[in-house]
Each structure stands twice: as C-alpha cells, then as structure tokens.
Amino acid sequence: MSMVTTLGGYLVNTDGGRHQLPLVQNPSDSVTENVIKMVSSAGKGVVVLRCKPTPEVGPEKLELYIDAGNFLLMLGVNEEDGDYSVRTLVDENMPNELMVVMGEKYPAKAVTRDIDLACAAFCEFARIGDVPLMR
C-alpha cells in the first residue's frame, strides 16, 4: 500500500484569530512550501503533514510550530515497543536554554530560523516518510 499524506494546520493572525487551513492530500513540494511561507508571514501557526494510514511502527506525522520567525520541527514516531517518541532538530550553535514557541517552552537547540530547512524537511517527509536529520 502506498503512503498518502495530508497537509493541514492553522495560522494565527495579528488580531489573535485562529484560521484553519484547508486539508491538502498528497501536496506537491511547491504547495507545501507555499503553505509554510504563508503561515510564517502571518507570524504564528502550525503546519502538520500526516501519513495515512497511520503506521504501526515508524514516523506518523511532521509538525511545524512557527512563531515570529522561529521554526520548531517535531517528528512523531510510533516505536516498535508501542511507545510514541518525538524527534527534533539539534542545532549545536544555538544556546543551551529554553525559548518560547507558541506559548510553550522548548530547548533552543531544537529551533531553527531557517525556513528553507523547514520546507526541505516537509518535502523529504512527503517523499520518504521520514526525516533522517531529526533525532
């Protein structure tokens, strides 16, 4: 069975209003990049790419939290032992402290300001169902 992906999420306007994005099945790279850039230009939001059907073992979804030019990528993985884990980027050049993204504190080392890296991760996940650079 081939993998189907669904892209969705929401953006938060400057007035604080939350606007749901339409779901896109098997989005092209350009559609995915446009959605990420649109949410980024709004300032805040979340973009999610999910695999259908949900795999019993392996990566299930890639989430991107966007807040004021900061990008937090989180890859949700169903482990062989039944646990669920989350893999993130690790940028050793970032400080060893916490920073706030979408109202929650996360390690700064898991955050990037590189929108092209975020777009590339989503395109890779859509193609192969994983993002090997995330650990």
Protein backbone atom coordinates (compact mmCIF):
# COMPACT_ATOMS: atom_id res chain seq x y z
CA MET A 1 0.00 0.00 0.00
CA SER A 2 1.42 3.41 -0.90
CA MET A 3 1.65 6.22 1.59
CA VAL A 4 -0.85 9.06 1.38
CA THR A 5 -0.05 12.34 3.11
CA THR A 6 -2.39 15.06 4.29
CA LEU A 7 -1.22 18.63 4.90
CA GLY A 8 -3.15 20.91 7.24
CA GLY A 9 -2.84 23.21 10.19
CA TYR A 10 -3.78 26.74 11.17
CA LEU A 11 -2.40 30.26 11.31
CA VAL A 12 -2.86 32.92 13.93
CA ASN A 13 -3.46 36.44 12.61
CA THR A 14 -2.09 39.54 14.30
CA ASP A 15 -5.51 40.03 15.91
CA GLY A 16 -5.13 36.62 17.60
CA GLY A 17 -7.74 34.94 15.40
CA ARG A 18 -7.08 31.32 14.53
CA HIS A 19 -7.77 30.35 10.92
CA GLN A 20 -7.90 26.69 9.89
CA LEU A 21 -6.05 25.79 6.70
CA PRO A 22 -7.79 23.60 4.13
CA LEU A 23 -6.58 19.99 4.05
CA VAL A 24 -4.49 19.05 1.02
CA GLN A 25 -3.97 15.40 0.13
CA ASN A 26 -0.55 14.47 -1.30
CA PRO A 27 0.61 18.10 -1.65
CA SER A 28 3.34 18.93 -4.13
CA ASP A 29 6.59 20.44 -2.85
CA SER A 30 5.52 23.88 -4.08
CA VAL A 31 2.13 23.68 -2.32
CA THR A 32 3.84 22.57 0.91
CA GLU A 33 6.40 25.40 0.71
CA ASN A 34 3.68 27.98 -0.04
CA VAL A 35 1.65 26.87 3.00
CA ILE A 36 4.70 27.08 5.29
CA LYS A 37 5.62 30.54 3.93
CA MET A 38 2.01 31.77 4.26
CA VAL A 39 1.83 30.69 7.91
CA SER A 40 5.27 32.18 8.56
CA SER A 41 4.23 35.52 7.05
CA ALA A 42 1.20 35.53 9.37
CA GLY A 43 3.68 35.33 12.27
CA LYS A 44 2.30 32.30 14.13
CA GLY A 45 0.78 28.96 13.34
CA VAL A 46 1.12 25.23 12.96
CA VAL A 47 1.59 23.10 9.85
CA VAL A 48 1.17 19.31 10.01
CA LEU A 49 1.86 16.60 7.44
CA ARG A 50 0.35 13.22 8.39
CA CYS A 51 0.76 9.75 6.89
CA LYS A 52 -2.36 7.77 6.06
CA PRO A 53 -2.82 5.11 7.12
CA THR A 54 -1.03 5.73 10.38
CA PRO A 55 1.90 3.30 10.52
CA GLU A 56 2.03 0.92 13.46
CA VAL A 57 5.81 1.46 13.58
CA GLY A 58 7.67 4.44 12.22
CA PRO A 59 7.13 8.14 11.61
CA GLU A 60 3.48 9.19 11.68
CA LYS A 61 3.48 12.98 11.34
CA LEU A 62 5.70 16.01 10.99
CA GLU A 63 4.62 19.13 12.85
CA LEU A 64 6.00 22.63 12.42
CA TYR A 65 5.33 25.29 15.04
CA ILE A 66 6.00 28.78 13.69
CA ASP A 67 6.36 31.79 15.95
CA ALA A 68 7.96 35.11 14.93
CA GLY A 69 10.48 33.57 12.54
CA ASN A 70 11.30 30.64 14.82
CA PHE A 71 10.60 27.16 13.45
CA LEU A 72 10.20 24.12 15.70
CA LEU A 73 10.01 20.84 13.79
CA MET A 74 8.75 17.75 15.61
CA LEU A 75 8.56 14.30 14.03
CA GLY A 76 6.13 11.96 15.80
CA VAL A 77 7.25 8.32 15.69
CA ASN A 78 5.46 5.11 16.73
CA GLU A 79 8.18 2.91 18.22
CA GLU A 80 8.41 -0.89 17.96
CA ASP A 81 7.81 -1.26 21.72
CA GLY A 82 4.49 0.61 21.45
CA ASP A 83 5.84 3.92 22.77
CA TYR A 84 5.46 7.23 20.95
CA SER A 85 8.51 9.44 20.62
CA VAL A 86 9.21 12.87 19.18
CA ARG A 87 12.36 13.66 17.23
CA THR A 88 13.58 17.21 16.69
CA LEU A 89 16.40 19.05 15.01
CA VAL A 90 19.52 19.64 17.07
CA ASP A 91 21.40 22.86 16.32
CA GLU A 92 24.57 22.83 18.39
CA ASN A 93 25.10 26.52 17.54
CA MET A 94 22.00 27.54 19.48
CA PRO A 95 22.27 28.34 23.20
CA ASN A 96 21.59 25.69 25.82
CA GLU A 97 18.45 27.35 27.15
CA LEU A 98 14.70 27.30 26.74
CA MET A 99 12.75 29.57 24.42
CA VAL A 100 9.03 30.16 24.00
CA VAL A 101 7.35 28.96 20.81
CA MET A 102 3.55 29.22 20.57
CA GLY A 103 3.31 29.85 24.32
CA GLU A 104 5.31 26.78 25.39
CA LYS A 105 8.98 26.42 26.37
CA TYR A 106 11.25 24.28 24.19
CA PRO A 107 15.02 23.75 24.02
CA ALA A 108 16.52 26.49 21.82
CA LYS A 109 18.72 23.81 20.21
CA ALA A 110 15.55 22.29 18.68
CA VAL A 111 14.58 25.57 16.98
CA THR A 112 15.79 26.94 13.66
CA ARG A 113 15.29 30.28 11.94
CA ASP A 114 15.90 28.68 8.53
CA ILE A 115 12.59 28.47 6.65
CA ASP A 116 14.27 26.63 3.78
CA LEU A 117 15.34 23.87 6.18
CA ALA A 118 11.74 23.58 7.44
CA CYS A 119 10.43 23.36 3.88
CA ALA A 120 13.06 20.77 2.93
CA ALA A 121 12.15 18.61 5.94
CA PHE A 122 8.46 18.60 4.92
CA CYS A 123 9.27 17.75 1.30
CA GLU A 124 11.56 14.92 2.44
CA PHE A 125 8.90 13.54 4.78
CA ALA A 126 6.36 13.58 1.93
CA ARG A 127 8.79 11.69 -0.32
CA ILE A 128 10.26 9.06 2.00
CA GLY A 129 8.09 9.12 5.14
CA ASP A 130 10.97 10.14 7.40
CA VAL A 131 13.37 12.99 8.12
CA PRO A 132 16.72 11.34 8.92
CA LEU A 133 18.37 14.61 10.07
CA MET A 134 15.97 14.75 13.02
CA ARG A 135 16.95 12.73 16.09
